Amino acid sequence: MSKQDEGFDYHRYRTLLAEAVDESSRLAFIDLLIEERARERLKAHSTSERLAITAKTVASILGTSRN
């Protein structure tokens, strides 16, 4: 853990973990971590697709302007 992930709220997760004193609250904490990580991955994928579409559009514009 030398470098903290951007957007990863260590303080919040440490507090939630400390409050997870029974099995149901620990499972809820695990579900929260999974859900938030899935949301981050979806956002990253969406950003990647948007950048790819933008690059393709720019390439097609530059390609047709040379003719």
PDB file of N, CA and C in Angstrom:
ATOM      1  N   MET A   1       0.813  -1.188   0.000  1.00  0.00           N
ATOM      2  CA  MET A   1       0.000   0.000   0.000  1.00  0.00           C
ATOM      3  C   MET A   1       0.858   1.254   0.000  1.00  0.00           C
ATOM      4  N   SER A   2       1.896   1.238  -0.786  1.00  0.00           N
ATOM      5  CA  SER A   2       2.756   2.407  -0.820  1.00  0.00           C
ATOM      6  C   SER A   2       2.093   3.584  -1.516  1.00  0.00           C
ATOM      7  N   LYS A   3       1.270   3.284  -2.483  1.00  0.00           N
ATOM      8  CA  LYS A   3       0.580   4.351  -3.207  1.00  0.00           C
ATOM      9  C   LYS A   3      -0.921   4.115  -3.103  1.00  0.00           C
ATOM     10  N   GLN A   4      -1.636   5.090  -2.554  1.00  0.00           N
ATOM     11  CA  GLN A   4      -3.074   4.930  -2.403  1.00  0.00           C
ATOM     12  C   GLN A   4      -3.762   5.164  -3.735  1.00  0.00           C
ATOM     13  N   ASP A   5      -4.788   4.347  -4.006  1.00  0.00           N
ATOM     14  CA  ASP A   5      -5.571   4.487  -5.228  1.00  0.00           C
ATOM     15  C   ASP A   5      -6.327   5.805  -5.206  1.00  0.00           C
ATOM     16  N   GLU A   6      -6.385   6.424  -6.363  1.00  0.00           N
ATOM     17  CA  GLU A   6      -7.155   7.657  -6.494  1.00  0.00           C
ATOM     18  C   GLU A   6      -8.635   7.314  -6.339  1.00  0.00           C
ATOM     19  N   GLY A   7      -9.321   8.046  -5.506  1.00  0.00           N
ATOM     20  CA  GLY A   7     -10.736   7.801  -5.306  1.00  0.00           C
ATOM     21  C   GLY A   7     -11.057   6.727  -4.284  1.00  0.00           C
ATOM     22  N   PHE A   8     -10.054   6.056  -3.766  1.00  0.00           N
ATOM     23  CA  PHE A   8     -10.272   5.013  -2.766  1.00  0.00           C
ATOM     24  C   PHE A   8     -10.213   5.665  -1.398  1.00  0.00           C
ATOM     25  N   ASP A   9     -11.315   5.673  -0.697  1.00  0.00           N
ATOM     26  CA  ASP A   9     -11.443   6.379   0.574  1.00  0.00           C
ATOM     27  C   ASP A   9     -11.034   5.456   1.733  1.00  0.00           C
ATOM     28  N   TYR A  10      -9.733   5.394   2.003  1.00  0.00           N
ATOM     29  CA  TYR A  10      -9.218   4.497   3.033  1.00  0.00           C
ATOM     30  C   TYR A  10      -9.829   4.781   4.400  1.00  0.00           C
ATOM     31  N   HIS A  11      -9.944   6.041   4.753  1.00  0.00           N
ATOM     32  CA  HIS A  11     -10.498   6.387   6.063  1.00  0.00           C
ATOM     33  C   HIS A  11     -11.929   5.852   6.206  1.00  0.00           C
ATOM     34  N   ARG A  12     -12.733   6.074   5.185  1.00  0.00           N
ATOM     35  CA  ARG A  12     -14.124   5.601   5.213  1.00  0.00           C
ATOM     36  C   ARG A  12     -14.190   4.081   5.341  1.00  0.00           C
ATOM     37  N   TYR A  13     -13.370   3.369   4.533  1.00  0.00           N
ATOM     38  CA  TYR A  13     -13.405   1.915   4.562  1.00  0.00           C
ATOM     39  C   TYR A  13     -12.870   1.364   5.884  1.00  0.00           C
ATOM     40  N   ARG A  14     -11.860   2.000   6.447  1.00  0.00           N
ATOM     41  CA  ARG A  14     -11.348   1.556   7.750  1.00  0.00           C
ATOM     42  C   ARG A  14     -12.417   1.723   8.820  1.00  0.00           C
ATOM     43  N   THR A  15     -13.153   2.829   8.765  1.00  0.00           N
ATOM     44  CA  THR A  15     -14.231   3.066   9.732  1.00  0.00           C
ATOM     45  C   THR A  15     -15.333   2.025   9.565  1.00  0.00           C
ATOM     46  N   LEU A  16     -15.725   1.772   8.326  1.00  0.00           N
ATOM     47  CA  LEU A  16     -16.773   0.768   8.073  1.00  0.00           C
ATOM     48  C   LEU A  16     -16.327  -0.619   8.521  1.00  0.00           C
ATOM     49  N   LEU A  17     -15.063  -0.932   8.282  1.00  0.00           N
ATOM     50  CA  LEU A  17     -14.545  -2.227   8.704  1.00  0.00           C
ATOM     51  C   LEU A  17     -14.547  -2.347  10.231  1.00  0.00           C
ATOM     52  N   ALA A  18     -14.162  -1.294  10.908  1.00  0.00           N
ATOM     53  CA  ALA A  18     -14.160  -1.310  12.373  1.00  0.00           C
ATOM     54  C   ALA A  18     -15.573  -1.468  12.927  1.00  0.00           C
ATOM     55  N   GLU A  19     -16.548  -0.930  12.199  1.00  0.00           N
ATOM     56  CA  GLU A  19     -17.947  -1.025  12.651  1.00  0.00           C
ATOM     57  C   GLU A  19     -18.583  -2.374  12.304  1.00  0.00           C
ATOM     58  N   ALA A  20     -17.944  -3.135  11.455  1.00  0.00           N
ATOM     59  CA  ALA A  20     -18.490  -4.427  11.033  1.00  0.00           C
ATOM     60  C   ALA A  20     -18.158  -5.483  12.091  1.00  0.00           C
ATOM     61  N   VAL A  21     -18.988  -5.566  13.105  1.00  0.00           N
ATOM     62  CA  VAL A  21     -18.706  -6.435  14.249  1.00  0.00           C
ATOM     63  C   VAL A  21     -19.407  -7.788  14.176  1.00  0.00           C
ATOM     64  N   ASP A  22     -20.371  -7.934  13.278  1.00  0.00           N
ATOM     65  CA  ASP A  22     -21.041  -9.225  13.135  1.00  0.00           C
ATOM     66  C   ASP A  22     -20.996  -9.643  11.666  1.00  0.00           C
ATOM     67  N   GLU A  23     -21.402 -10.870  11.422  1.00  0.00           N
ATOM     68  CA  GLU A  23     -21.291 -11.420  10.069  1.00  0.00           C
ATOM     69  C   GLU A  23     -22.111 -10.644   9.049  1.00  0.00           C
ATOM     70  N   SER A  24     -23.314 -10.257   9.396  1.00  0.00           N
ATOM     71  CA  SER A  24     -24.154  -9.550   8.425  1.00  0.00           C
ATOM     72  C   SER A  24     -23.563  -8.187   8.055  1.00  0.00           C
ATOM     73  N   SER A  25     -22.996  -7.480   9.010  1.00  0.00           N
ATOM     74  CA  SER A  25     -22.389  -6.183   8.680  1.00  0.00           C
ATOM     75  C   SER A  25     -21.089  -6.365   7.904  1.00  0.00           C
ATOM     76  N   ARG A  26     -20.346  -7.437   8.175  1.00  0.00           N
ATOM     77  CA  ARG A  26     -19.132  -7.714   7.390  1.00  0.00           C
ATOM     78  C   ARG A  26     -19.496  -8.063   5.951  1.00  0.00           C
ATOM     79  N   LEU A  27     -20.551  -8.846   5.777  1.00  0.00           N
ATOM     80  CA  LEU A  27     -20.989  -9.187   4.424  1.00  0.00           C
ATOM     81  C   LEU A  27     -21.495  -7.949   3.680  1.00  0.00           C
ATOM     82  N   ALA A  28     -22.182  -7.064   4.385  1.00  0.00           N
ATOM     83  CA  ALA A  28     -22.641  -5.816   3.773  1.00  0.00           C
ATOM     84  C   ALA A  28     -21.444  -4.965   3.353  1.00  0.00           C
ATOM     85  N   PHE A  29     -20.403  -4.944   4.177  1.00  0.00           N
ATOM     86  CA  PHE A  29     -19.180  -4.207   3.852  1.00  0.00           C
ATOM     87  C   PHE A  29     -18.519  -4.782   2.601  1.00  0.00           C
ATOM     88  N   ILE A  30     -18.436  -6.102   2.530  1.00  0.00           N
ATOM     89  CA  ILE A  30     -17.855  -6.761   1.352  1.00  0.00           C
ATOM     90  C   ILE A  30     -18.673  -6.438   0.108  1.00  0.00           C
ATOM     91  N   ASP A  31     -19.997  -6.493   0.211  1.00  0.00           N
ATOM     92  CA  ASP A  31     -20.861  -6.142  -0.921  1.00  0.00           C
ATOM     93  C   ASP A  31     -20.620  -4.713  -1.378  1.00  0.00           C
ATOM     94  N   LEU A  32     -20.451  -3.803  -0.428  1.00  0.00           N
ATOM     95  CA  LEU A  32     -20.183  -2.401  -0.755  1.00  0.00           C
ATOM     96  C   LEU A  32     -18.874  -2.268  -1.519  1.00  0.00           C
ATOM     97  N   LEU A  33     -17.832  -2.947  -1.051  1.00  0.00           N
ATOM     98  CA  LEU A  33     -16.537  -2.891  -1.743  1.00  0.00           C
ATOM     99  C   LEU A  33     -16.649  -3.417  -3.174  1.00  0.00           C
ATOM    100  N   ILE A  34     -17.357  -4.523  -3.336  1.00  0.00           N
ATOM    101  CA  ILE A  34     -17.534  -5.114  -4.667  1.00  0.00           C
ATOM    102  C   ILE A  34     -18.314  -4.167  -5.570  1.00  0.00           C
ATOM    103  N   GLU A  35     -19.392  -3.610  -5.047  1.00  0.00           N
ATOM    104  CA  GLU A  35     -20.233  -2.701  -5.837  1.00  0.00           C
ATOM    105  C   GLU A  35     -19.456  -1.457  -6.258  1.00  0.00           C
ATOM    106  N   GLU A  36     -18.705  -0.875  -5.343  1.00  0.00           N
ATOM    107  CA  GLU A  36     -17.969   0.339  -5.672  1.00  0.00           C
ATOM    108  C   GLU A  36     -16.839   0.050  -6.653  1.00  0.00           C
ATOM    109  N   ARG A  37     -16.193  -1.089  -6.534  1.00  0.00           N
ATOM    110  CA  ARG A  37     -15.125  -1.462  -7.482  1.00  0.00           C
ATOM    111  C   ARG A  37     -15.721  -1.707  -8.865  1.00  0.00           C
ATOM    112  N   ALA A  38     -16.881  -2.338  -8.917  1.00  0.00           N
ATOM    113  CA  ALA A  38     -17.546  -2.580 -10.200  1.00  0.00           C
ATOM    114  C   ALA A  38     -17.924  -1.253 -10.849  1.00  0.00           C
ATOM    115  N   ARG A  39     -18.380  -0.309 -10.055  1.00  0.00           N
ATOM    116  CA  ARG A  39     -18.746   1.014 -10.574  1.00  0.00           C
ATOM    117  C   ARG A  39     -17.512   1.716 -11.137  1.00  0.00           C
ATOM    118  N   GLU A  40     -16.371   1.594 -10.451  1.00  0.00           N
ATOM    119  CA  GLU A  40     -15.129   2.193 -10.932  1.00  0.00           C
ATOM    120  C   GLU A  40     -14.700   1.582 -12.266  1.00  0.00           C
ATOM    121  N   ARG A  41     -14.811   0.263 -12.362  1.00  0.00           N
ATOM    122  CA  ARG A  41     -14.423  -0.409 -13.611  1.00  0.00           C
ATOM    123  C   ARG A  41     -15.340  -0.017 -14.764  1.00  0.00           C
ATOM    124  N   LEU A  42     -16.631   0.097 -14.496  1.00  0.00           N
ATOM    125  CA  LEU A  42     -17.575   0.516 -15.526  1.00  0.00           C
ATOM    126  C   LEU A  42     -17.262   1.931 -15.999  1.00  0.00           C
ATOM    127  N   LYS A  43     -16.949   2.803 -15.071  1.00  0.00           N
ATOM    128  CA  LYS A  43     -16.596   4.183 -15.418  1.00  0.00           C
ATOM    129  C   LYS A  43     -15.319   4.211 -16.267  1.00  0.00           C
ATOM    130  N   ALA A  44     -14.323   3.421 -15.886  1.00  0.00           N
ATOM    131  CA  ALA A  44     -13.073   3.361 -16.648  1.00  0.00           C
ATOM    132  C   ALA A  44     -13.317   2.830 -18.055  1.00  0.00           C
ATOM    133  N   HIS A  45     -14.160   1.813 -18.169  1.00  0.00           N
ATOM    134  CA  HIS A  45     -14.474   1.246 -19.483  1.00  0.00           C
ATOM    135  C   HIS A  45     -15.198   2.273 -20.348  1.00  0.00           C
ATOM    136  N   SER A  46     -16.132   2.977 -19.764  1.00  0.00           N
ATOM    137  CA  SER A  46     -16.883   4.001 -20.483  1.00  0.00           C
ATOM    138  C   SER A  46     -15.958   5.110 -20.971  1.00  0.00           C
ATOM    139  N   THR A  47     -15.048   5.532 -20.116  1.00  0.00           N
ATOM    140  CA  THR A  47     -14.082   6.565 -20.491  1.00  0.00           C
ATOM    141  C   THR A  47     -13.196   6.077 -21.624  1.00  0.00           C
ATOM    142  N   SER A  48     -12.758   4.844 -21.546  1.00  0.00           N
ATOM    143  CA  SER A  48     -11.916   4.268 -22.589  1.00  0.00           C
ATOM    144  C   SER A  48     -12.642   4.227 -23.931  1.00  0.00           C
ATOM    145  N   GLU A  49     -13.901   3.809 -23.910  1.00  0.00           N
ATOM    146  CA  GLU A  49     -14.683   3.770 -25.148  1.00  0.00           C
ATOM    147  C   GLU A  49     -14.867   5.166 -25.733  1.00  0.00           C
ATOM    148  N   ARG A  50     -15.150   6.133 -24.860  1.00  0.00           N
ATOM    149  CA  ARG A  50     -15.350   7.504 -25.312  1.00  0.00           C
ATOM    150  C   ARG A  50     -14.073   8.045 -25.963  1.00  0.00           C
ATOM    151  N   LEU A  51     -12.923   7.764 -25.374  1.00  0.00           N
ATOM    152  CA  LEU A  51     -11.652   8.211 -25.939  1.00  0.00           C
ATOM    153  C   LEU A  51     -11.371   7.540 -27.278  1.00  0.00           C
ATOM    154  N   ALA A  52     -11.711   6.269 -27.398  1.00  0.00           N
ATOM    155  CA  ALA A  52     -11.503   5.556 -28.650  1.00  0.00           C
ATOM    156  C   ALA A  52     -12.377   6.138 -29.757  1.00  0.00           C
ATOM    157  N   ILE A  53     -13.611   6.458 -29.439  1.00  0.00           N
ATOM    158  CA  ILE A  53     -14.521   7.056 -30.429  1.00  0.00           C
ATOM    159  C   ILE A  53     -14.012   8.433 -30.840  1.00  0.00           C
ATOM    160  N   THR A  54     -13.539   9.209 -29.868  1.00  0.00           N
ATOM    161  CA  THR A  54     -13.005  10.533 -30.170  1.00  0.00           C
ATOM    162  C   THR A  54     -11.777  10.421 -31.069  1.00  0.00           C
ATOM    163  N   ALA A  55     -10.881   9.493 -30.744  1.00  0.00           N
ATOM    164  CA  ALA A  55      -9.680   9.309 -31.566  1.00  0.00           C
ATOM    165  C   ALA A  55     -10.048   8.890 -32.977  1.00  0.00           C
ATOM    166  N   LYS A  56     -11.026   8.013 -33.119  1.00  0.00           N
ATOM    167  CA  LYS A  56     -11.464   7.568 -34.447  1.00  0.00           C
ATOM    168  C   LYS A  56     -12.059   8.729 -35.230  1.00  0.00           C
ATOM    169  N   THR A  57     -12.853   9.558 -34.565  1.00  0.00           N
ATOM    170  CA  THR A  57     -13.463  10.714 -35.217  1.00  0.00           C
ATOM    171  C   THR A  57     -12.405  11.697 -35.672  1.00  0.00           C
ATOM    172  N   VAL A  58     -11.443  11.991 -34.801  1.00  0.00           N
ATOM    173  CA  VAL A  58     -10.367  12.922 -35.153  1.00  0.00           C
ATOM    174  C   VAL A  58      -9.558  12.365 -36.317  1.00  0.00           C
ATOM    175  N   ALA A  59      -9.262  11.073 -36.287  1.00  0.00           N
ATOM    176  CA  ALA A  59      -8.494  10.453 -37.364  1.00  0.00           C
ATOM    177  C   ALA A  59      -9.243  10.520 -38.687  1.00  0.00           C
ATOM    178  N   SER A  60     -10.552  10.311 -38.645  1.00  0.00           N
ATOM    179  CA  SER A  60     -11.318  10.362 -39.900  1.00  0.00           C
ATOM    180  C   SER A  60     -11.397  11.785 -40.431  1.00  0.00           C
ATOM    181  N   ILE A  61     -11.508  12.757 -39.546  1.00  0.00           N
ATOM    182  CA  ILE A  61     -11.550  14.159 -39.985  1.00  0.00           C
ATOM    183  C   ILE A  61     -10.202  14.556 -40.575  1.00  0.00           C
ATOM    184  N   LEU A  62      -9.138  14.215 -39.902  1.00  0.00           N
ATOM    185  CA  LEU A  62      -7.801  14.547 -40.415  1.00  0.00           C
ATOM    186  C   LEU A  62      -7.491  13.791 -41.713  1.00  0.00           C
ATOM    187  N   GLY A  63      -7.989  12.577 -41.813  1.00  0.00           N
ATOM    188  CA  GLY A  63      -7.763  11.782 -43.013  1.00  0.00           C
ATOM    189  C   GLY A  63      -8.488  12.346 -44.226  1.00  0.00           C
ATOM    190  N   THR A  64      -9.693  12.871 -44.041  1.00  0.00           N
ATOM    191  CA  THR A  64     -10.437  13.421 -45.173  1.00  0.00           C
ATOM    192  C   THR A  64     -10.005  14.837 -45.506  1.00  0.00           C
ATOM    193  N   SER A  65      -9.407  15.540 -44.555  1.00  0.00           N
ATOM    194  CA  SER A  65      -8.992  16.923 -44.833  1.00  0.00           C
ATOM    195  C   SER A  65      -7.712  16.971 -45.648  1.00  0.00           C
ATOM    196  N   ARG A  66      -6.993  15.890 -45.754  1.00  0.00           N
ATOM    197  CA  ARG A  66      -5.743  15.852 -46.508  1.00  0.00           C
ATOM    198  C   ARG A  66      -5.995  15.676 -48.008  1.00  0.00           C
ATOM    199  N   ASN A  67      -7.165  15.214 -48.378  1.00  0.00           N
ATOM    200  CA  ASN A  67      -7.456  14.956 -49.789  1.00  0.00           C
ATOM    201  C   ASN A  67      -7.653  16.218 -50.576  1.00  0.00           C
TER     202      ASN A  67
END
